[in-house]
Amino acid sequence: MTELPASVGDTARLLADQGYIADRELATTVHLALVMHRPLLLEGEPGTGKTEIAKVLAAGLNRRLVRLQCHDGMDLSAAAYEWDHARQLMAIRMAEAAGQTDRDALASDIYTRRYLQARPLLSAIDPDLPPAVLLIDELDRADEPFEAFLLELLADFQITVPEFGTMRATTKPVVILTSNRTREVHDAIRRRCLYHWVDYPDAARERAILSAKAPGVPEQLAAQVVAFVQKLRGEELFKLPGVAETIDWAQALTYLDKKELSAGDVDETLGVLLKYQDDIAKIQGAEAARIVTESKL
């Protein structure tokens, strides 16, 4: 396990070494979350790099990444822990067959660690496992009552299992929560976290990100792709392209041996950049030609 970075600059370098180019504000917030041992709530539009922060922190700090992908209807058994009922029932039958009839003794025997199946939340604080980076991804997709399950973990880095007791981390995990803000995350969660809004990068930072993630893209093409995407984000679209789409598009154009951007190239490859037909239809043709021209100025 790598030591935590000593300064904001060290944190920015740790992220950059893993290919994540952060602005000063984001690097500062990440650094504070690390040194203060506080969960970090990242909100922003899809594709702005929120999830990637957890991944690069796990790689840079040499910790295991534990990911909980949130979804509708998620409950404690999927997120934190579950008792292995089949093995418990088998143990009871074997004990009864051996003549054991003390119900209290049977109960104490089956509610032990060996029958407790750890899901992501419990795994992240398991004292018997190496330190972790816990990613609670797209919390806004989970039902609101699920957030109550997280409060003990976020405040004290522990989980109480009624039949077993309290399990707490010996080394506090780095906790990253992300939200695309399809609904508001409850204030009780926010109070326990540091917060940062992850916005789309400006042109200079997006160029740096593209250079780090797709170094094979020709320099002129990379500049024009970034300029096009930056202008495209000013359009009224159902889904604006994220940084991941910028990288995919630049690589796709490179695979097609393009050295610079043309309106025809845009029309032929917009499906890499935009993911809804209404958006593609709006941009193809004259609008694409206009944005390409402006991107080259």
Protein backbone atom coordinates (compact mmCIF):
# COMPACT_ATOMS: atom_id res chain seq x y z
CA MET A 1 0.00 0.00 0.00
CA THR A 2 1.38 3.40 -1.02
CA GLU A 3 1.47 6.27 1.49
CA LEU A 4 -1.11 9.01 1.08
CA PRO A 5 0.15 12.07 -0.82
CA ALA A 6 1.57 14.81 1.42
CA SER A 7 0.30 17.83 -0.51
CA VAL A 8 -2.19 18.97 -3.13
CA GLY A 9 0.60 18.93 -5.69
CA ASP A 10 1.47 15.35 -4.79
CA THR A 11 -2.18 14.39 -5.16
CA ALA A 12 -2.35 16.02 -8.60
CA ARG A 13 0.81 14.16 -9.62
CA LEU A 14 -0.58 10.86 -8.30
CA LEU A 15 -3.67 11.34 -10.46
CA ALA A 16 -1.63 12.47 -13.47
CA ASP A 17 0.68 9.46 -13.18
CA GLN A 18 -2.41 7.30 -13.75
CA GLY A 19 -3.54 9.42 -16.71
CA TYR A 20 -6.08 11.59 -14.87
CA ILE A 21 -5.55 15.31 -15.47
CA ALA A 22 -7.28 17.17 -12.63
CA ASP A 23 -7.69 20.90 -12.16
CA ARG A 24 -6.43 22.51 -8.95
CA GLU A 25 -9.85 22.60 -7.27
CA LEU A 26 -10.49 18.89 -7.83
CA ALA A 27 -6.97 17.92 -6.75
CA THR A 28 -7.44 19.96 -3.56
CA THR A 29 -10.75 18.31 -2.71
CA VAL A 30 -9.38 14.82 -3.38
CA HIS A 31 -6.33 15.59 -1.23
CA LEU A 32 -8.50 16.79 1.65
CA ALA A 33 -10.69 13.68 1.42
CA LEU A 34 -7.56 11.51 1.65
CA VAL A 35 -5.82 13.25 4.54
CA MET A 36 -9.02 13.94 6.51
CA HIS A 37 -10.31 10.38 5.93
CA ARG A 38 -13.63 11.70 4.71
CA PRO A 39 -15.87 10.22 2.01
CA LEU A 40 -15.96 12.26 -1.20
CA LEU A 41 -19.21 12.87 -3.07
CA LEU A 42 -18.66 13.69 -6.74
CA GLU A 43 -21.56 15.00 -8.78
CA GLY A 44 -21.65 15.98 -12.42
CA GLU A 45 -22.92 15.08 -15.86
CA PRO A 46 -22.27 11.53 -17.14
CA GLY A 47 -18.90 11.21 -18.83
CA THR A 48 -17.03 13.85 -16.84
CA GLY A 49 -14.67 11.37 -15.16
CA LYS A 50 -16.19 10.84 -11.72
CA THR A 51 -15.87 7.06 -11.64
CA GLU A 52 -12.38 7.23 -13.09
CA ILE A 53 -11.12 9.10 -10.01
CA ALA A 54 -11.77 6.08 -7.81
CA LYS A 55 -10.05 3.80 -10.28
CA VAL A 56 -6.91 5.90 -10.53
CA LEU A 57 -6.76 6.36 -6.75
CA ALA A 58 -6.89 2.59 -6.28
CA ALA A 59 -4.08 2.14 -8.81
CA GLY A 60 -2.00 5.06 -7.52
CA LEU A 61 -2.34 4.10 -3.85
CA ASN A 62 -1.89 0.40 -4.59
CA ARG A 63 -5.20 -0.51 -2.97
CA ARG A 64 -7.88 -2.92 -4.07
CA LEU A 65 -10.87 -1.32 -5.78
CA VAL A 66 -14.23 -2.35 -4.33
CA ARG A 67 -17.10 -1.16 -6.51
CA LEU A 68 -20.77 -1.02 -5.64
CA GLN A 69 -22.79 -0.23 -8.76
CA CYS A 70 -26.09 1.19 -7.55
CA HIS A 71 -29.43 0.33 -9.14
CA ASP A 72 -33.15 0.42 -8.46
CA GLY A 73 -34.28 -1.97 -5.76
CA MET A 74 -30.82 -2.57 -4.31
CA ASP A 75 -30.96 -3.80 -0.73
CA LEU A 76 -28.62 -4.64 2.13
CA SER A 77 -28.07 -8.22 0.96
CA ALA A 78 -26.70 -6.99 -2.36
CA ALA A 79 -24.74 -4.05 -1.00
CA ALA A 80 -23.38 -4.99 2.43
CA TYR A 81 -23.76 -8.59 3.59
CA GLU A 82 -25.91 -11.71 3.50
CA TRP A 83 -26.09 -14.79 5.65
CA ASP A 84 -25.40 -18.07 3.88
CA HIS A 85 -28.74 -19.63 4.80
CA ALA A 86 -28.13 -22.88 2.95
CA ARG A 87 -24.93 -23.60 4.91
CA GLN A 88 -26.55 -22.48 8.16
CA LEU A 89 -29.45 -24.88 7.65
CA MET A 90 -27.04 -27.70 6.86
CA ALA A 91 -25.06 -26.95 10.03
CA ILE A 92 -28.24 -27.04 12.11
CA ARG A 93 -29.29 -30.39 10.68
CA MET A 94 -25.84 -31.85 11.27
CA ALA A 95 -25.83 -30.60 14.86
CA GLU A 96 -29.30 -32.02 15.50
CA ALA A 97 -28.25 -35.33 13.97
CA ALA A 98 -25.30 -35.35 16.38
CA GLY A 99 -27.70 -34.91 19.29
CA GLN A 100 -27.24 -31.20 19.98
CA THR A 101 -30.56 -29.73 21.12
CA ASP A 102 -29.56 -26.47 22.82
CA ARG A 103 -31.17 -23.83 20.57
CA ASP A 104 -29.10 -20.95 22.00
CA ALA A 105 -25.88 -22.84 21.32
CA LEU A 106 -27.05 -23.66 17.80
CA ALA A 107 -27.86 -19.99 17.15
CA SER A 108 -24.45 -18.84 18.38
CA ASP A 109 -22.76 -21.46 16.21
CA ILE A 110 -24.45 -20.47 12.96
CA TYR A 111 -24.18 -16.69 13.34
CA THR A 112 -20.41 -16.60 13.01
CA ARG A 113 -18.04 -15.04 10.49
CA ARG A 114 -17.77 -18.24 8.46
CA TYR A 115 -21.44 -17.96 7.42
CA LEU A 116 -21.37 -14.23 6.72
CA GLN A 117 -21.03 -13.41 3.03
CA ALA A 118 -19.44 -10.01 2.45
CA ARG A 119 -20.80 -7.78 -0.29
CA PRO A 120 -18.97 -4.62 -1.42
CA LEU A 121 -19.67 -2.38 1.60
CA LEU A 122 -18.61 -4.98 4.14
CA SER A 123 -15.68 -6.13 2.02
CA ALA A 124 -14.30 -2.58 1.91
CA ILE A 125 -13.97 -2.41 5.71
CA ASP A 126 -13.11 -6.06 6.38
CA PRO A 127 -10.11 -5.94 8.77
CA ASP A 128 -8.86 -9.26 7.40
CA LEU A 129 -8.51 -7.88 3.86
CA PRO A 130 -6.03 -5.33 2.44
CA PRO A 131 -7.02 -1.62 2.49
CA ALA A 132 -9.46 -0.58 -0.20
CA VAL A 133 -10.84 2.24 -2.28
CA LEU A 134 -14.62 1.91 -2.07
CA LEU A 135 -16.52 3.25 -5.09
CA ILE A 136 -20.26 3.71 -4.53
CA ASP A 137 -21.13 4.45 -8.13
CA GLU A 138 -24.25 6.31 -9.31
CA LEU A 139 -25.86 6.57 -5.89
CA ASP A 140 -28.73 8.52 -7.46
CA ARG A 141 -29.85 5.31 -9.23
CA ALA A 142 -30.55 3.60 -5.91
CA ASP A 143 -33.81 4.07 -4.04
CA GLU A 144 -33.77 6.83 -1.41
CA PRO A 145 -34.25 4.43 1.57
CA PHE A 146 -31.00 2.69 0.62
CA GLU A 147 -29.06 5.79 1.64
CA ALA A 148 -29.91 5.06 5.29
CA PHE A 149 -27.79 1.90 5.07
CA LEU A 150 -24.75 4.04 4.25
CA LEU A 151 -24.85 6.46 7.17
CA GLU A 152 -23.02 4.29 9.72
CA LEU A 153 -20.38 3.34 7.17
CA LEU A 154 -19.74 6.91 6.01
CA ALA A 155 -19.58 8.30 9.55
CA ASP A 156 -17.61 5.61 11.37
CA PHE A 157 -16.29 3.21 8.70
CA GLN A 158 -18.13 0.37 10.35
CA ILE A 159 -21.17 -1.84 9.76
CA THR A 160 -23.30 -3.39 12.49
CA VAL A 161 -24.68 -6.85 11.77
CA PRO A 162 -27.44 -7.42 14.35
CA GLU A 163 -26.84 -11.17 14.77
CA PHE A 164 -23.04 -10.87 14.77
CA GLY A 165 -21.83 -7.50 16.00
CA THR A 166 -19.96 -4.53 14.61
CA MET A 167 -17.23 -4.85 12.01
CA ARG A 168 -14.96 -1.85 11.53
CA ALA A 169 -11.99 -1.07 9.35
CA THR A 170 -8.49 -1.12 10.81
CA THR A 171 -7.33 1.05 7.90
CA LYS A 172 -10.08 3.40 6.77
CA PRO A 173 -10.99 2.93 3.12
CA VAL A 174 -10.94 5.78 0.65
CA VAL A 175 -14.64 6.25 -0.16
CA ILE A 176 -15.80 7.83 -3.41
CA LEU A 177 -19.52 8.31 -4.10
CA THR A 178 -20.71 9.45 -7.50
CA SER A 179 -24.03 10.86 -8.66
CA ASN A 180 -25.31 11.98 -12.06
CA ARG A 181 -27.95 13.96 -10.19
CA THR A 182 -30.98 12.22 -11.69
CA ARG A 183 -32.37 12.81 -8.19
CA GLU A 184 -31.09 14.69 -5.16
CA VAL A 185 -28.88 12.81 -2.69
CA HIS A 186 -30.14 13.23 0.88
CA ASP A 187 -28.62 15.88 3.16
CA ALA A 188 -27.59 13.22 5.68
CA ILE A 189 -25.25 11.72 3.08
CA ARG A 190 -23.93 15.13 2.04
CA ARG A 191 -23.10 16.12 5.63
CA ARG A 192 -20.81 13.12 5.98
CA CYS A 193 -18.91 13.82 2.75
CA LEU A 194 -16.67 16.37 1.17
CA TYR A 195 -18.18 17.55 -2.11
CA HIS A 196 -17.05 18.47 -5.61
CA TRP A 197 -18.94 19.14 -8.82
CA VAL A 198 -17.01 17.54 -11.70
CA ASP A 199 -17.63 19.67 -14.76
CA TYR A 200 -16.62 19.18 -18.37
CA PRO A 201 -12.97 20.21 -18.78
CA ASP A 202 -11.95 23.35 -20.61
CA ALA A 203 -10.17 22.98 -23.96
CA ALA A 204 -6.64 23.03 -22.56
CA ARG A 205 -7.34 20.32 -19.98
CA GLU A 206 -9.28 18.21 -22.47
CA ARG A 207 -6.30 18.39 -24.84
CA ALA A 208 -4.05 17.22 -22.00
CA ILE A 209 -6.46 14.38 -21.15
CA LEU A 210 -6.61 13.30 -24.79
CA SER A 211 -2.83 13.39 -25.06
CA ALA A 212 -2.52 11.20 -21.95
CA LYS A 213 -5.23 8.71 -22.88
CA ALA A 214 -4.74 8.56 -26.67
CA PRO A 215 -1.15 9.57 -27.46
CA GLY A 216 -1.39 8.12 -30.97
CA VAL A 217 -3.85 10.77 -32.18
CA PRO A 218 -2.15 13.29 -34.53
CA GLU A 219 -1.68 16.68 -32.89
CA GLN A 220 -3.67 18.65 -35.48
CA LEU A 221 -6.55 16.19 -35.39
CA ALA A 222 -6.55 16.19 -31.57
CA ALA A 223 -6.79 19.99 -31.50
CA GLN A 224 -9.68 20.02 -33.97
CA VAL A 225 -11.54 17.20 -32.21
CA VAL A 226 -11.33 18.99 -28.86
CA ALA A 227 -12.39 22.30 -30.42
CA PHE A 228 -15.37 20.58 -32.12
CA VAL A 229 -16.48 18.86 -28.91
CA GLN A 230 -16.10 22.05 -26.88
CA LYS A 231 -18.40 23.88 -29.33
CA LEU A 232 -20.79 20.93 -29.48
CA ARG A 233 -21.34 21.15 -25.71
CA GLY A 234 -22.83 24.57 -26.30
CA GLU A 235 -25.62 23.06 -28.42
CA GLU A 236 -29.04 22.03 -27.11
CA LEU A 237 -28.64 18.25 -27.15
CA PHE A 238 -30.33 15.46 -25.25
CA LYS A 239 -26.94 14.07 -24.12
CA LEU A 240 -23.76 16.09 -24.40
CA PRO A 241 -20.60 14.12 -25.17
CA GLY A 242 -18.33 13.38 -22.22
CA VAL A 243 -14.57 13.11 -22.11
CA ALA A 244 -14.77 9.38 -22.76
CA GLU A 245 -16.62 10.07 -26.03
CA THR A 246 -13.99 12.63 -27.01
CA ILE A 247 -11.27 10.02 -26.56
CA ASP A 248 -13.24 7.34 -28.42
CA TRP A 249 -13.97 9.69 -31.31
CA ALA A 250 -10.37 10.85 -31.66
CA GLN A 251 -9.19 7.25 -31.66
CA ALA A 252 -11.85 6.21 -34.19
CA LEU A 253 -10.79 8.99 -36.57
CA THR A 254 -7.17 7.94 -36.13
CA TYR A 255 -8.05 4.33 -36.96
CA LEU A 256 -9.57 5.71 -40.18
CA ASP A 257 -6.22 7.41 -40.97
CA LYS A 258 -7.65 10.91 -40.64
CA LYS A 259 -5.13 13.69 -40.06
CA GLU A 260 -7.60 16.55 -39.75
CA LEU A 261 -11.33 16.95 -39.30
CA SER A 262 -13.79 17.38 -42.18
CA ALA A 263 -17.57 17.70 -42.28
CA GLY A 264 -17.80 14.37 -44.08
CA ASP A 265 -15.76 12.66 -41.36
CA VAL A 266 -18.08 14.09 -38.72
CA ASP A 267 -21.23 12.88 -40.50
CA GLU A 268 -19.80 9.38 -40.91
CA THR A 269 -18.60 8.97 -37.31
CA LEU A 270 -21.07 10.93 -35.17
CA GLY A 271 -22.36 7.67 -33.68
CA VAL A 272 -19.10 7.41 -31.76
CA LEU A 273 -19.58 10.85 -30.23
CA LEU A 274 -23.36 11.13 -29.83
CA LYS A 275 -25.59 8.31 -28.63
CA TYR A 276 -29.10 9.49 -29.54
CA GLN A 277 -30.49 9.63 -33.08
CA ASP A 278 -32.23 12.97 -32.50
CA ASP A 279 -28.90 14.52 -31.52
CA ILE A 280 -27.14 13.01 -34.54
CA ALA A 281 -29.85 14.20 -36.91
CA LYS A 282 -29.61 17.70 -35.46
CA ILE A 283 -25.84 17.96 -35.96
CA GLN A 284 -25.29 16.11 -39.25
CA GLY A 285 -24.97 18.10 -42.45
CA ALA A 286 -24.84 21.90 -42.43
CA GLU A 287 -24.53 22.19 -38.64
CA ALA A 288 -21.55 19.82 -38.57
CA ALA A 289 -19.91 21.74 -41.41
CA ARG A 290 -20.39 25.00 -39.53
CA ILE A 291 -18.88 23.67 -36.31
CA VAL A 292 -15.95 22.12 -38.19
CA THR A 293 -15.21 25.46 -39.85
CA GLU A 294 -15.34 27.28 -36.52
CA SER A 295 -13.14 24.60 -34.92
CA LYS A 296 -10.35 25.35 -37.42
CA LEU A 297 -10.32 29.12 -36.88
